[in-house]
C-alpha cells in the first residue's frame, strides 16, 4: 500500500487555486519563510475581505504565539499555524455544512495538510457542542480531537480575543458571543453548553504561562 505523506503547508499555500479564492494565489514556497507565514498567506487570501474576521484572526495568531512560548518548538509552531487557520471555514467559497470548523478542516484536508492540524481546526473552541446542535456530529467525527496543551492554546487564544481583535477575558468573550448570537442560534446554544469546558481549557493555557483568566 502506498503511503501518502502530508503536504507541506508552504506547498499547499502555493497551490491554492486563485479561482477558489477569487484573489491572487499565495506566493511560491521559496518565498515563504515558515509554516506560520505560509498559513497567514493562505488564510489572508480567503479571510481578509471579511474585515472584522481578519482582524480577529490576526490577533488570535499573535495571542497564540505568546501563549505557546513554553511549548516544544514543533508544538509551538503548530499552535500558531492552527490559530491562523482556525476560522478559515468562514470564507464564503469554503462554506458547505454551514459550520466553519468542519468546513475549514475539510479544506485543509483537501489541500493535503497533516491530520493533526485538520483536527485542531475541526475541534477548536467547543466545536463538538456546535456540531451536536447542528446535527453534524458524524461529519465532525471524521476528524480526530486532540486534548493537549496545543489544543488548549488555540482555544485560549480564540477565547481571549474579541471579534475585532480586542483583548478580552474568557468571561467577556463568552458574554459577547451570547449577545451576538440570538438564543435560538446553534452557536449560542453550543457556547452556553460548553462554557465550562472552554473556561477550563483557557485556564490551563493561561496558567501554563503564568497568566490569569
Foldseek 3Di string as FASTA:
>chain_A
DDDDAFDQLQCLQQPPDCVLLVDDGFDHSVPQDDLLSSLLSSLCSQCVVVQLQNLQLVLLLVQLLLLCVVPPPVLSRLLSSLSNQLQSQVRVSQDDLNQSLLSSLVVSVVSRHDLVSSQLSNCADQNCQLCVLSVNNVSSVVGDHDDDLSSLSSLLSNQQAASNGDGHDNVVSLVVQCVVDDCVDSSNVRCVVCVVVSVVSNQVSQVVNPHHD
